[in-house]
Each structure stands twice: as C-alpha cells, then as structure tokens.
Amino acid sequence: MPPPRDDGGVARSRGWVTLTEPGLLDAPVSLRPIQVKDAAIWREARVRNASWLRPWEPTNPETPLYRSSLGPYVSMARTMRREARQGVALPWVVTYDGQFAGQLTIGSIVWGSSRSAQVGYWIDEAFAGRGITPTALAMALDQCFFVVGLHRVEATIRPENMASRRVVEKLGFREEGLRRRCLHIDGAWHDHICYAMTVEDVPNGLMPRWRSQIMSGRLRAG
C-alpha cells in the first residue's frame, strides 16, 4: 500500500524504509526507528536520568513524566510507531557505538501548505559532551528535508537550557523569539525560545556543513 500523500503529491512519510536508509548512520552515531522492544532500556534510561532531564522535559500537568513500570513505555512506543505510519511523527532511537544513548523525535508534522514539524531530543547523561546530539539532529533534518519533504523544523528550548541551545546554534538554527509560558515543564508553565530552520537554509545538506565544522575545529585545535 503506498504511503499517504498530501495535495502536492509528496509522500508524507515512507515509514520504516525511510528511517533505516544508510544516510542515518554517521559512525559511531546512528538513528533507527523506535521499537516496542526498546521499552525496557528506554524506561531504565529515563528513570536513571530523571534528575538530569527533569528541568527540561515537557510534562503533562496531570500525569507524572517518569514511571518505573514497563507498561507506559510499551504504550508510548506503540503510539509513536502508529504516528509514524500515519505520517505525523518520525521517532528515532539515538545510538552510539551500538548502545542506546537517547531519543530524537520529529513530531507535530503538518502537511498541506505548511510542511512543518517540531523536534525534541534527549541524551543519556553518560553520553553527553561527545557531539552526539548535533550529529543526530543533522542527520534527522537532512532526512526530513530531502527525503520526507518537510520545509521547516522548529525547536523550542528553555532559555536556561544552554546545552540544548548550543546544539541548535552550532547547526545554524535561527532564533525567532520568546514564547511565553508555552510548555509545561517540571510542574510549571515556562517560557521557551523558538529556533527554526528551513530547507533553504541548507541547500547542500546539513550533515556536510556539520562535518566541515567538526573538521575545522579539529584543525584549529591541532
């Protein structure tokens, strides 16, 4: 059965075939579709990193973010896979040298005249500081822009989250202003800075530009 299409004739999502193409590997960092069998390691990482993630993670005002039972994580994985099949989300597991290192999701995908989405990501504290997140994000955006057919991707980040802000700024996202009390975080509504990138910003791809920045940094350091 062909993937759903928007009124412009572009496939909304090519499902798991799209998500497993070789372009989503930049060793030792890789992205792969989230699977139901990831629920146990996902739960373990989230619980272990609770204090590391709590100040930055969106929460539902009525339900807790971190749960110790496996059931909610199985349910979330199934929901994400269903949304991927429907063309409204692209949920990836981030791995480093084959180990589960975090998650990156392109969600809230809107088609029609918008072709836009929101990106969210988190990294296990044990893997922080290795350049994993910007590499994973660069791969994901190239996939979104040049394979899936999106035009714009936004990231909303708390002003205090300097580590996450550095990720998008390194990659060349534009800062587009402050959104007042736009997300519920750690028990309260917080302001977020909106960052965005469109396909016109990276006509030759984001990964080549990011690799060039890495090499330039190594040459300067050497």
N, C-alpha and C. Protein backbone atom coordinates (compact mmCIF):
# COMPACT_ATOMS: atom_id res chain seq x y z
N MET A 1 0.85 -1.19 0.00
CA MET A 1 0.00 0.00 0.00
C MET A 1 0.89 1.24 0.00
N PRO A 2 0.68 2.20 -0.89
CA PRO A 2 1.53 3.39 -0.94
C PRO A 2 1.34 4.26 0.28
N PRO A 3 2.35 5.06 0.63
CA PRO A 3 2.23 5.95 1.79
C PRO A 3 1.20 7.03 1.52
N PRO A 4 0.64 7.62 2.60
CA PRO A 4 -0.31 8.71 2.40
C PRO A 4 0.38 9.89 1.73
N ARG A 5 -0.37 10.65 0.92
CA ARG A 5 0.21 11.77 0.20
C ARG A 5 -0.56 13.03 0.50
N ASP A 6 0.14 14.15 0.45
CA ASP A 6 -0.56 15.41 0.64
C ASP A 6 -1.02 15.91 -0.73
N ASP A 7 -1.66 17.10 -0.77
CA ASP A 7 -2.21 17.57 -2.02
C ASP A 7 -1.15 18.02 -3.02
N GLY A 8 0.12 18.04 -2.60
CA GLY A 8 1.19 18.37 -3.52
C GLY A 8 1.86 17.15 -4.11
N GLY A 9 1.39 15.95 -3.72
CA GLY A 9 1.93 14.73 -4.30
C GLY A 9 3.19 14.23 -3.64
N VAL A 10 3.59 14.80 -2.50
CA VAL A 10 4.80 14.35 -1.81
C VAL A 10 4.42 13.37 -0.72
N ALA A 11 5.13 12.26 -0.63
CA ALA A 11 4.81 11.27 0.39
C ALA A 11 4.96 11.88 1.79
N ARG A 12 3.97 11.68 2.62
CA ARG A 12 4.04 12.24 3.97
C ARG A 12 5.12 11.55 4.79
N SER A 13 5.20 10.26 4.67
CA SER A 13 6.22 9.51 5.38
C SER A 13 6.42 8.20 4.66
N ARG A 14 7.66 7.77 4.52
CA ARG A 14 7.91 6.48 3.89
C ARG A 14 8.17 5.43 4.96
N GLY A 15 7.69 5.71 6.14
CA GLY A 15 7.71 4.71 7.20
C GLY A 15 9.10 4.24 7.55
N TRP A 16 9.20 2.95 7.87
CA TRP A 16 10.47 2.43 8.38
C TRP A 16 11.51 2.30 7.29
N VAL A 17 11.10 2.21 6.03
CA VAL A 17 12.10 2.19 4.95
C VAL A 17 12.89 3.49 4.96
N THR A 18 12.18 4.61 5.07
CA THR A 18 12.83 5.91 5.14
C THR A 18 13.79 5.98 6.32
N LEU A 19 13.36 5.46 7.46
CA LEU A 19 14.14 5.64 8.68
C LEU A 19 15.35 4.73 8.78
N THR A 20 15.48 3.78 7.90
CA THR A 20 16.61 2.85 8.01
C THR A 20 17.58 2.95 6.85
N GLU A 21 17.50 4.01 6.07
CA GLU A 21 18.45 4.18 4.98
C GLU A 21 19.85 4.47 5.52
N PRO A 22 20.92 4.13 4.76
CA PRO A 22 22.28 4.31 5.25
C PRO A 22 22.63 5.74 5.63
N GLY A 23 21.91 6.72 5.07
CA GLY A 23 22.20 8.11 5.39
C GLY A 23 21.98 8.48 6.83
N LEU A 24 21.36 7.59 7.62
CA LEU A 24 21.13 7.85 9.03
C LEU A 24 22.19 7.19 9.90
N LEU A 25 23.33 6.96 9.31
CA LEU A 25 24.48 6.45 10.06
C LEU A 25 25.66 7.36 9.80
N ASP A 26 26.22 7.92 10.85
CA ASP A 26 27.46 8.67 10.77
C ASP A 26 28.31 8.18 11.94
N ALA A 27 28.95 7.03 11.72
CA ALA A 27 29.61 6.29 12.79
C ALA A 27 30.47 7.21 13.66
N PRO A 28 30.40 7.03 14.99
CA PRO A 28 29.68 5.98 15.71
C PRO A 28 28.23 6.34 16.08
N VAL A 29 27.70 7.47 15.56
CA VAL A 29 26.33 7.88 15.87
C VAL A 29 25.39 7.32 14.81
N SER A 30 24.24 6.82 15.25
CA SER A 30 23.24 6.38 14.30
C SER A 30 21.84 6.63 14.85
N LEU A 31 20.88 6.65 13.92
CA LEU A 31 19.47 6.77 14.26
C LEU A 31 18.74 5.57 13.68
N ARG A 32 17.80 5.04 14.45
CA ARG A 32 16.96 3.96 13.95
C ARG A 32 15.55 4.15 14.51
N PRO A 33 14.54 3.56 13.88
CA PRO A 33 13.18 3.71 14.37
C PRO A 33 13.03 3.12 15.77
N ILE A 34 12.25 3.78 16.59
CA ILE A 34 11.97 3.23 17.91
C ILE A 34 11.14 1.97 17.76
N GLN A 35 11.41 0.98 18.59
CA GLN A 35 10.71 -0.30 18.55
C GLN A 35 10.09 -0.59 19.91
N VAL A 36 9.07 -1.42 19.91
CA VAL A 36 8.41 -1.77 21.17
C VAL A 36 9.41 -2.45 22.11
N LYS A 37 10.32 -3.23 21.56
CA LYS A 37 11.29 -3.93 22.42
C LYS A 37 12.28 -2.97 23.08
N ASP A 38 12.30 -1.70 22.65
CA ASP A 38 13.15 -0.70 23.30
C ASP A 38 12.58 -0.25 24.64
N ALA A 39 11.34 -0.62 24.96
CA ALA A 39 10.66 -0.08 26.14
C ALA A 39 11.45 -0.28 27.42
N ALA A 40 12.04 -1.45 27.61
CA ALA A 40 12.74 -1.73 28.87
C ALA A 40 13.98 -0.85 29.04
N ILE A 41 14.82 -0.76 27.98
CA ILE A 41 16.03 0.07 28.10
C ILE A 41 15.67 1.54 28.12
N TRP A 42 14.60 1.92 27.43
CA TRP A 42 14.11 3.30 27.44
C TRP A 42 13.69 3.68 28.86
N ARG A 43 12.90 2.80 29.50
CA ARG A 43 12.47 3.06 30.88
C ARG A 43 13.67 3.18 31.81
N GLU A 44 14.62 2.27 31.69
CA GLU A 44 15.79 2.30 32.56
C GLU A 44 16.56 3.60 32.41
N ALA A 45 16.75 4.03 31.16
CA ALA A 45 17.49 5.27 30.92
C ALA A 45 16.74 6.48 31.45
N ARG A 46 15.43 6.52 31.25
CA ARG A 46 14.64 7.67 31.70
C ARG A 46 14.63 7.77 33.22
N VAL A 47 14.48 6.66 33.89
CA VAL A 47 14.46 6.68 35.36
C VAL A 47 15.84 7.05 35.90
N ARG A 48 16.89 6.47 35.31
CA ARG A 48 18.25 6.76 35.77
C ARG A 48 18.63 8.21 35.52
N ASN A 49 18.09 8.82 34.46
CA ASN A 49 18.42 10.20 34.11
C ASN A 49 17.36 11.20 34.56
N ALA A 50 16.51 10.81 35.49
CA ALA A 50 15.38 11.65 35.89
C ALA A 50 15.83 13.05 36.31
N SER A 51 16.81 13.14 37.18
CA SER A 51 17.23 14.46 37.66
C SER A 51 17.94 15.25 36.57
N TRP A 52 18.60 14.57 35.66
CA TRP A 52 19.30 15.20 34.53
C TRP A 52 18.31 15.81 33.54
N LEU A 53 17.18 15.14 33.33
CA LEU A 53 16.22 15.57 32.31
C LEU A 53 15.08 16.42 32.85
N ARG A 54 14.77 16.28 34.13
CA ARG A 54 13.56 16.90 34.67
C ARG A 54 13.43 18.41 34.39
N PRO A 55 14.50 19.20 34.50
CA PRO A 55 14.32 20.65 34.29
C PRO A 55 13.96 21.04 32.86
N TRP A 56 14.08 20.11 31.91
CA TRP A 56 13.92 20.49 30.50
C TRP A 56 12.82 19.75 29.77
N GLU A 57 12.32 18.65 30.33
CA GLU A 57 11.39 17.80 29.62
C GLU A 57 9.94 18.27 29.74
N PRO A 58 9.22 18.38 28.62
CA PRO A 58 7.80 18.69 28.69
C PRO A 58 7.04 17.65 29.50
N THR A 59 6.08 18.09 30.28
CA THR A 59 5.28 17.20 31.11
C THR A 59 3.80 17.49 30.90
N ASN A 60 3.01 16.48 31.17
CA ASN A 60 1.56 16.67 31.22
C ASN A 60 1.22 17.15 32.63
N PRO A 61 0.51 18.26 32.77
CA PRO A 61 0.21 18.78 34.11
C PRO A 61 -0.50 17.79 35.02
N GLU A 62 -1.15 16.77 34.43
CA GLU A 62 -1.94 15.86 35.24
C GLU A 62 -1.32 14.49 35.44
N THR A 63 -0.19 14.21 34.77
CA THR A 63 0.40 12.88 34.90
C THR A 63 1.91 13.00 35.08
N PRO A 64 2.53 12.04 35.80
CA PRO A 64 3.98 12.10 36.00
C PRO A 64 4.74 11.75 34.74
N LEU A 65 5.96 12.30 34.61
CA LEU A 65 6.79 12.02 33.45
C LEU A 65 7.54 10.70 33.59
N TYR A 66 8.05 10.41 34.78
CA TYR A 66 8.89 9.24 34.97
C TYR A 66 8.13 8.16 35.71
N ARG A 67 8.06 6.98 35.12
CA ARG A 67 7.34 5.87 35.71
C ARG A 67 8.26 4.67 35.77
N SER A 68 8.11 3.86 36.80
CA SER A 68 9.00 2.73 36.97
C SER A 68 8.47 1.47 36.33
N SER A 69 7.16 1.39 36.05
CA SER A 69 6.61 0.19 35.42
C SER A 69 6.85 0.23 33.92
N LEU A 70 6.84 -0.94 33.30
CA LEU A 70 7.16 -1.06 31.88
C LEU A 70 5.99 -0.69 30.97
N GLY A 71 4.76 -0.94 31.44
CA GLY A 71 3.58 -0.76 30.60
C GLY A 71 3.48 0.58 29.90
N PRO A 72 3.67 1.72 30.60
CA PRO A 72 3.55 3.01 29.92
C PRO A 72 4.55 3.21 28.79
N TYR A 73 5.74 2.63 28.90
CA TYR A 73 6.74 2.78 27.86
C TYR A 73 6.39 1.94 26.63
N VAL A 74 5.84 0.75 26.87
CA VAL A 74 5.37 -0.06 25.75
C VAL A 74 4.27 0.68 25.01
N SER A 75 3.35 1.27 25.77
CA SER A 75 2.25 2.02 25.17
C SER A 75 2.76 3.22 24.38
N MET A 76 3.74 3.96 24.93
CA MET A 76 4.29 5.12 24.23
C MET A 76 4.99 4.71 22.94
N ALA A 77 5.74 3.60 22.98
CA ALA A 77 6.42 3.13 21.78
C ALA A 77 5.42 2.76 20.70
N ARG A 78 4.34 2.09 21.08
CA ARG A 78 3.32 1.73 20.10
C ARG A 78 2.65 2.97 19.52
N THR A 79 2.40 3.95 20.38
CA THR A 79 1.80 5.20 19.90
C THR A 79 2.70 5.89 18.90
N MET A 80 4.00 5.96 19.22
CA MET A 80 4.95 6.61 18.31
C MET A 80 5.03 5.89 16.97
N ARG A 81 5.02 4.57 17.00
CA ARG A 81 5.08 3.81 15.75
C ARG A 81 3.81 4.04 14.92
N ARG A 82 2.68 4.11 15.59
CA ARG A 82 1.43 4.38 14.88
C ARG A 82 1.46 5.77 14.25
N GLU A 83 1.96 6.76 14.99
CA GLU A 83 2.05 8.11 14.45
C GLU A 83 3.01 8.18 13.27
N ALA A 84 4.06 7.37 13.31
CA ALA A 84 4.99 7.32 12.19
C ALA A 84 4.30 6.76 10.95
N ARG A 85 3.52 5.71 11.13
CA ARG A 85 2.80 5.13 9.99
C ARG A 85 1.78 6.12 9.42
N GLN A 86 1.25 6.98 10.27
CA GLN A 86 0.27 7.98 9.83
C GLN A 86 0.92 9.21 9.24
N GLY A 87 2.25 9.29 9.29
CA GLY A 87 2.96 10.42 8.69
C GLY A 87 2.96 11.67 9.52
N VAL A 88 2.72 11.56 10.85
CA VAL A 88 2.69 12.76 11.69
C VAL A 88 3.85 12.80 12.69
N ALA A 89 4.72 11.79 12.68
CA ALA A 89 5.89 11.79 13.58
C ALA A 89 6.95 10.88 13.01
N LEU A 90 8.21 11.18 13.34
CA LEU A 90 9.34 10.34 12.99
C LEU A 90 10.14 10.11 14.26
N PRO A 91 9.85 9.03 14.99
CA PRO A 91 10.52 8.78 16.28
C PRO A 91 11.76 7.89 16.11
N TRP A 92 12.90 8.41 16.52
CA TRP A 92 14.15 7.67 16.41
C TRP A 92 14.76 7.38 17.77
N VAL A 93 15.47 6.27 17.85
CA VAL A 93 16.40 5.99 18.93
C VAL A 93 17.78 6.46 18.47
N VAL A 94 18.49 7.16 19.35
CA VAL A 94 19.87 7.57 19.09
C VAL A 94 20.79 6.51 19.69
N THR A 95 21.71 6.01 18.90
CA THR A 95 22.68 5.05 19.43
C THR A 95 24.10 5.58 19.23
N TYR A 96 24.98 5.11 20.08
CA TYR A 96 26.39 5.47 19.98
C TYR A 96 27.20 4.20 20.15
N ASP A 97 27.97 3.84 19.11
CA ASP A 97 28.67 2.55 19.10
C ASP A 97 27.71 1.40 19.38
N GLY A 98 26.49 1.53 18.88
CA GLY A 98 25.50 0.47 19.04
C GLY A 98 24.75 0.48 20.35
N GLN A 99 25.08 1.39 21.25
CA GLN A 99 24.41 1.45 22.54
C GLN A 99 23.30 2.50 22.53
N PHE A 100 22.21 2.20 23.21
CA PHE A 100 21.11 3.14 23.35
C PHE A 100 21.64 4.38 24.08
N ALA A 101 21.52 5.56 23.43
CA ALA A 101 22.08 6.78 24.01
C ALA A 101 21.06 7.89 24.19
N GLY A 102 19.87 7.72 23.64
CA GLY A 102 18.87 8.77 23.78
C GLY A 102 17.77 8.63 22.75
N GLN A 103 17.06 9.71 22.54
CA GLN A 103 15.91 9.70 21.64
C GLN A 103 15.83 11.03 20.90
N LEU A 104 15.37 10.97 19.66
CA LEU A 104 15.13 12.18 18.87
C LEU A 104 13.83 11.95 18.09
N THR A 105 12.90 12.87 18.23
CA THR A 105 11.61 12.72 17.56
C THR A 105 11.26 13.98 16.79
N ILE A 106 10.94 13.80 15.53
CA ILE A 106 10.34 14.86 14.73
C ILE A 106 8.83 14.65 14.85
N GLY A 107 8.15 15.56 15.53
CA GLY A 107 6.72 15.38 15.78
C GLY A 107 5.90 16.57 15.35
N SER A 108 4.60 16.47 15.60
CA SER A 108 3.65 17.53 15.24
C SER A 108 3.79 17.91 13.77
N ILE A 109 3.98 16.91 12.91
CA ILE A 109 4.15 17.18 11.48
C ILE A 109 2.83 17.67 10.89
N VAL A 110 2.92 18.78 10.18
CA VAL A 110 1.76 19.36 9.48
C VAL A 110 2.07 19.39 8.00
N TRP A 111 1.15 18.90 7.18
CA TRP A 111 1.37 18.85 5.75
C TRP A 111 0.65 20.00 5.06
N GLY A 112 0.12 19.82 3.88
CA GLY A 112 -0.53 20.90 3.16
C GLY A 112 0.44 22.02 2.84
N SER A 113 0.04 23.24 3.09
CA SER A 113 0.86 24.40 2.75
C SER A 113 1.94 24.69 3.79
N SER A 114 1.95 23.96 4.91
CA SER A 114 2.92 24.21 5.98
C SER A 114 4.16 23.34 5.87
N ARG A 115 3.98 22.04 5.80
CA ARG A 115 5.09 21.08 5.76
C ARG A 115 6.12 21.39 6.85
N SER A 116 5.63 21.51 8.06
CA SER A 116 6.48 21.88 9.18
C SER A 116 6.41 20.83 10.29
N ALA A 117 7.33 20.92 11.24
CA ALA A 117 7.37 19.96 12.34
C ALA A 117 8.13 20.56 13.52
N GLN A 118 8.04 19.87 14.65
CA GLN A 118 8.77 20.21 15.86
C GLN A 118 9.76 19.10 16.15
N VAL A 119 10.94 19.45 16.64
CA VAL A 119 11.91 18.44 17.02
C VAL A 119 12.11 18.46 18.53
N GLY A 120 12.22 17.28 19.10
CA GLY A 120 12.56 17.13 20.51
C GLY A 120 13.62 16.05 20.65
N TYR A 121 14.50 16.19 21.61
CA TYR A 121 15.57 15.20 21.78
C TYR A 121 16.04 15.18 23.22
N TRP A 122 16.60 14.05 23.62
CA TRP A 122 17.27 13.96 24.91
C TRP A 122 18.41 12.96 24.78
N ILE A 123 19.43 13.17 25.60
CA ILE A 123 20.61 12.31 25.57
C ILE A 123 20.90 11.81 26.98
N ASP A 124 21.25 10.56 27.09
CA ASP A 124 21.66 9.98 28.37
C ASP A 124 22.87 10.77 28.89
N GLU A 125 22.86 11.12 30.16
CA GLU A 125 23.96 11.90 30.73
C GLU A 125 25.31 11.21 30.53
N ALA A 126 25.30 9.86 30.51
CA ALA A 126 26.55 9.12 30.33
C ALA A 126 27.18 9.35 28.97
N PHE A 127 26.39 9.84 28.00
CA PHE A 127 26.90 10.06 26.65
C PHE A 127 27.02 11.55 26.30
N ALA A 128 26.74 12.41 27.25
CA ALA A 128 26.75 13.85 26.98
C ALA A 128 28.17 14.34 26.71
N GLY A 129 28.28 15.40 25.92
CA GLY A 129 29.56 16.03 25.66
C GLY A 129 30.39 15.40 24.56
N ARG A 130 29.81 14.50 23.78
CA ARG A 130 30.57 13.83 22.72
C ARG A 130 30.15 14.28 21.32
N GLY A 131 29.29 15.28 21.22
CA GLY A 131 28.82 15.74 19.92
C GLY A 131 27.78 14.84 19.29
N ILE A 132 27.17 13.96 20.10
CA ILE A 132 26.20 13.00 19.57
C ILE A 132 24.93 13.71 19.12
N THR A 133 24.41 14.61 19.96
CA THR A 133 23.11 15.23 19.66
C THR A 133 23.14 16.07 18.38
N PRO A 134 24.11 16.98 18.19
CA PRO A 134 24.10 17.73 16.93
C PRO A 134 24.27 16.84 15.70
N THR A 135 25.06 15.78 15.82
CA THR A 135 25.22 14.87 14.69
C THR A 135 23.91 14.17 14.37
N ALA A 136 23.23 13.67 15.41
CA ALA A 136 21.94 13.01 15.21
C ALA A 136 20.92 13.97 14.63
N LEU A 137 20.90 15.20 15.13
CA LEU A 137 19.93 16.18 14.65
C LEU A 137 20.20 16.56 13.19
N ALA A 138 21.48 16.69 12.82
CA ALA A 138 21.82 17.00 11.44
C ALA A 138 21.36 15.88 10.50
N MET A 139 21.57 14.64 10.90
CA MET A 139 21.10 13.52 10.08
C MET A 139 19.59 13.54 9.94
N ALA A 140 18.90 13.78 11.06
CA ALA A 140 17.44 13.78 11.05
C ALA A 140 16.89 14.88 10.14
N LEU A 141 17.47 16.07 10.21
CA LEU A 141 16.96 17.16 9.39
C LEU A 141 17.21 16.93 7.91
N ASP A 142 18.35 16.40 7.55
CA ASP A 142 18.57 16.08 6.14
C ASP A 142 17.54 15.07 5.65
N GLN A 143 17.20 14.10 6.49
CA GLN A 143 16.18 13.13 6.12
C GLN A 143 14.82 13.81 5.95
N CYS A 144 14.50 14.69 6.88
CA CYS A 144 13.22 15.39 6.83
C CYS A 144 13.10 16.29 5.60
N PHE A 145 14.16 17.02 5.30
CA PHE A 145 14.12 17.99 4.20
C PHE A 145 14.20 17.32 2.83
N PHE A 146 15.11 16.35 2.69
CA PHE A 146 15.44 15.86 1.35
C PHE A 146 14.85 14.50 1.01
N VAL A 147 14.28 13.81 1.98
CA VAL A 147 13.63 12.53 1.72
C VAL A 147 12.14 12.60 2.02
N VAL A 148 11.79 13.07 3.20
CA VAL A 148 10.38 13.11 3.61
C VAL A 148 9.63 14.26 2.94
N GLY A 149 10.31 15.38 2.74
CA GLY A 149 9.67 16.50 2.05
C GLY A 149 9.18 17.62 2.94
N LEU A 150 9.71 17.72 4.17
CA LEU A 150 9.34 18.84 5.03
C LEU A 150 10.05 20.12 4.58
N HIS A 151 9.49 21.25 4.97
CA HIS A 151 10.08 22.54 4.62
C HIS A 151 10.68 23.25 5.81
N ARG A 152 10.11 23.08 7.00
CA ARG A 152 10.54 23.85 8.18
C ARG A 152 10.48 22.96 9.41
N VAL A 153 11.50 23.06 10.26
CA VAL A 153 11.54 22.34 11.54
C VAL A 153 11.88 23.33 12.64
N GLU A 154 11.09 23.29 13.72
CA GLU A 154 11.29 24.18 14.86
C GLU A 154 11.78 23.40 16.08
N ALA A 155 12.51 24.09 16.93
CA ALA A 155 12.90 23.56 18.24
C ALA A 155 12.59 24.65 19.27
N THR A 156 11.85 24.31 20.31
CA THR A 156 11.56 25.26 21.38
C THR A 156 12.31 24.83 22.63
N ILE A 157 13.10 25.75 23.18
CA ILE A 157 14.05 25.42 24.24
C ILE A 157 13.97 26.45 25.35
N ARG A 158 14.00 25.98 26.59
CA ARG A 158 14.01 26.92 27.72
C ARG A 158 15.26 27.80 27.65
N PRO A 159 15.13 29.10 27.95
CA PRO A 159 16.30 29.99 27.89
C PRO A 159 17.45 29.51 28.77
N GLU A 160 17.13 28.84 29.88
CA GLU A 160 18.18 28.40 30.80
C GLU A 160 18.92 27.15 30.32
N ASN A 161 18.39 26.46 29.32
CA ASN A 161 18.98 25.21 28.86
C ASN A 161 20.09 25.51 27.83
N MET A 162 21.22 25.96 28.34
CA MET A 162 22.30 26.39 27.47
C MET A 162 22.87 25.24 26.62
N ALA A 163 22.90 24.04 27.18
CA ALA A 163 23.46 22.92 26.43
C ALA A 163 22.62 22.63 25.19
N SER A 164 21.29 22.63 25.33
CA SER A 164 20.42 22.37 24.19
C SER A 164 20.45 23.53 23.20
N ARG A 165 20.54 24.75 23.70
CA ARG A 165 20.63 25.90 22.82
C ARG A 165 21.91 25.84 21.98
N ARG A 166 22.99 25.39 22.59
CA ARG A 166 24.26 25.28 21.83
C ARG A 166 24.13 24.28 20.69
N VAL A 167 23.35 23.21 20.91
CA VAL A 167 23.18 22.21 19.86
C VAL A 167 22.60 22.85 18.61
N VAL A 168 21.47 23.56 18.76
CA VAL A 168 20.82 24.13 17.57
C VAL A 168 21.60 25.31 17.01
N GLU A 169 22.26 26.07 17.87
CA GLU A 169 23.05 27.20 17.37
C GLU A 169 24.26 26.73 16.58
N LYS A 170 24.89 25.65 17.01
CA LYS A 170 26.01 25.09 16.25
C LYS A 170 25.58 24.70 14.84
N LEU A 171 24.35 24.22 14.71
CA LEU A 171 23.86 23.75 13.43
C LEU A 171 23.29 24.86 12.55
N GLY A 172 23.16 26.07 13.12
CA GLY A 172 22.70 27.19 12.32
C GLY A 172 21.22 27.48 12.37
N PHE A 173 20.52 26.96 13.39
CA PHE A 173 19.11 27.32 13.56
C PHE A 173 19.02 28.82 13.87
N ARG A 174 17.96 29.46 13.36
CA ARG A 174 17.69 30.86 13.67
C ARG A 174 16.93 30.97 14.99
N GLU A 175 17.29 31.95 15.79
CA GLU A 175 16.49 32.28 16.97
C GLU A 175 15.36 33.21 16.53
N GLU A 176 14.12 32.83 16.79
CA GLU A 176 12.98 33.58 16.26
C GLU A 176 12.11 34.22 17.34
N GLY A 177 12.55 34.21 18.57
CA GLY A 177 11.80 34.93 19.59
C GLY A 177 11.37 34.07 20.76
N LEU A 178 10.82 34.73 21.77
CA LEU A 178 10.41 34.08 23.01
C LEU A 178 8.92 33.77 22.99
N ARG A 179 8.58 32.56 23.36
CA ARG A 179 7.18 32.16 23.51
C ARG A 179 6.86 32.05 24.99
N ARG A 180 5.97 32.88 25.43
CA ARG A 180 5.66 32.98 26.86
C ARG A 180 4.85 31.78 27.34
N ARG A 181 5.36 31.16 28.40
CA ARG A 181 4.65 30.07 29.08
C ARG A 181 4.06 29.07 28.09
N CYS A 182 4.86 28.62 27.17
CA CYS A 182 4.32 27.80 26.08
C CYS A 182 4.33 26.31 26.37
N LEU A 183 5.17 25.85 27.33
CA LEU A 183 5.22 24.42 27.64
C LEU A 183 5.26 24.19 29.14
N HIS A 184 4.63 23.09 29.55
CA HIS A 184 4.62 22.70 30.96
C HIS A 184 5.86 21.86 31.23
N ILE A 185 6.71 22.36 32.13
CA ILE A 185 7.98 21.70 32.43
C ILE A 185 8.13 21.59 33.95
N ASP A 186 8.38 20.39 34.43
CA ASP A 186 8.72 20.19 35.84
C ASP A 186 7.74 20.90 36.78
N GLY A 187 6.46 20.75 36.50
CA GLY A 187 5.43 21.26 37.42
C GLY A 187 4.97 22.68 37.19
N ALA A 188 5.45 23.36 36.15
CA ALA A 188 5.04 24.74 35.92
C ALA A 188 5.12 25.07 34.44
N TRP A 189 4.45 26.17 34.05
CA TRP A 189 4.49 26.64 32.67
C TRP A 189 5.69 27.57 32.51
N HIS A 190 6.50 27.30 31.45
CA HIS A 190 7.76 28.04 31.27
C HIS A 190 7.84 28.66 29.88
N ASP A 191 8.58 29.80 29.83
CA ASP A 191 8.89 30.43 28.55
C ASP A 191 9.88 29.56 27.78
N HIS A 192 9.80 29.64 26.45
CA HIS A 192 10.74 28.93 25.59
C HIS A 192 11.17 29.83 24.44
N ILE A 193 12.40 29.66 24.02
CA ILE A 193 12.90 30.33 22.83
C ILE A 193 12.60 29.45 21.62
N CYS A 194 12.07 30.05 20.58
CA CYS A 194 11.81 29.31 19.34
C CYS A 194 13.01 29.43 18.41
N TYR A 195 13.54 28.30 17.99
CA TYR A 195 14.57 28.23 16.96
C TYR A 195 13.96 27.51 15.75
N ALA A 196 14.41 27.85 14.56
CA ALA A 196 13.86 27.22 13.36
C ALA A 196 14.89 27.12 12.26
N MET A 197 14.65 26.18 11.37
CA MET A 197 15.47 26.02 10.17
C MET A 197 14.55 25.59 9.03
N THR A 198 14.80 26.11 7.83
CA THR A 198 14.06 25.67 6.64
C THR A 198 15.04 25.05 5.65
N VAL A 199 14.48 24.35 4.68
CA VAL A 199 15.31 23.66 3.71
C VAL A 199 16.19 24.64 2.93
N GLU A 200 15.72 25.89 2.74
CA GLU A 200 16.53 26.87 2.02
C GLU A 200 17.81 27.23 2.77
N ASP A 201 17.81 27.01 4.08
CA ASP A 201 19.00 27.33 4.88
C ASP A 201 20.15 26.36 4.63
N VAL A 202 19.82 25.17 4.13
CA VAL A 202 20.86 24.14 3.94
C VAL A 202 20.69 23.48 2.56
N PRO A 203 20.85 24.24 1.50
CA PRO A 203 20.59 23.70 0.15
C PRO A 203 21.47 22.51 -0.20
N ASN A 204 22.63 22.42 0.40
CA ASN A 204 23.54 21.31 0.13
C ASN A 204 23.56 20.27 1.24
N GLY A 205 22.60 20.39 2.17
CA GLY A 205 22.51 19.43 3.27
C GLY A 205 23.17 19.95 4.53
N LEU A 206 22.62 19.54 5.66
CA LEU A 206 23.15 19.97 6.95
C LEU A 206 24.34 19.13 7.40
N MET A 207 24.32 17.83 7.13
CA MET A 207 25.42 16.98 7.56
C MET A 207 26.76 17.38 6.94
N PRO A 208 26.83 17.68 5.64
CA PRO A 208 28.12 18.12 5.10
C PRO A 208 28.64 19.38 5.79
N ARG A 209 27.73 20.32 6.08
CA ARG A 209 28.15 21.55 6.76
C ARG A 209 28.63 21.24 8.17
N TRP A 210 27.93 20.35 8.87
CA TRP A 210 28.32 19.99 10.24
C TRP A 210 29.66 19.27 10.24
N ARG A 211 29.87 18.35 9.31
CA ARG A 211 31.17 17.66 9.22
C ARG A 211 32.30 18.66 8.97
N SER A 212 32.03 19.65 8.12
CA SER A 212 33.03 20.67 7.84
C SER A 212 33.39 21.46 9.09
N GLN A 213 32.37 21.78 9.90
CA GLN A 213 32.62 22.50 11.15
C GLN A 213 33.46 21.65 12.09
N ILE A 214 33.17 20.37 12.17
CA ILE A 214 33.93 19.48 13.04
C ILE A 214 35.39 19.44 12.61
N MET A 215 35.61 19.27 11.29
CA MET A 215 36.98 19.21 10.79
C MET A 215 37.72 20.51 11.00
N SER A 216 37.04 21.63 10.82
CA SER A 216 37.68 22.94 11.05
C SER A 216 38.08 23.09 12.49
N GLY A 217 37.22 22.63 13.39
CA GLY A 217 37.54 22.71 14.81
C GLY A 217 38.74 21.84 15.17
N ARG A 218 38.83 20.66 14.55
CA ARG A 218 39.96 19.77 14.82
C ARG A 218 41.25 20.38 14.30
N LEU A 219 41.19 21.00 13.11
CA LEU A 219 42.39 21.62 12.54
C LEU A 219 42.87 22.77 13.42
N ARG A 220 41.91 23.58 13.92
CA ARG A 220 42.30 24.70 14.79
C ARG A 220 42.90 24.19 16.09
N ALA A 221 42.31 23.10 16.61
CA ALA A 221 42.81 22.54 17.86
C ALA A 221 44.20 21.95 17.67
N GLY A 222 44.46 21.43 16.45
CA GLY A 222 45.75 20.81 16.18
C GLY A 222 46.82 21.82 15.89
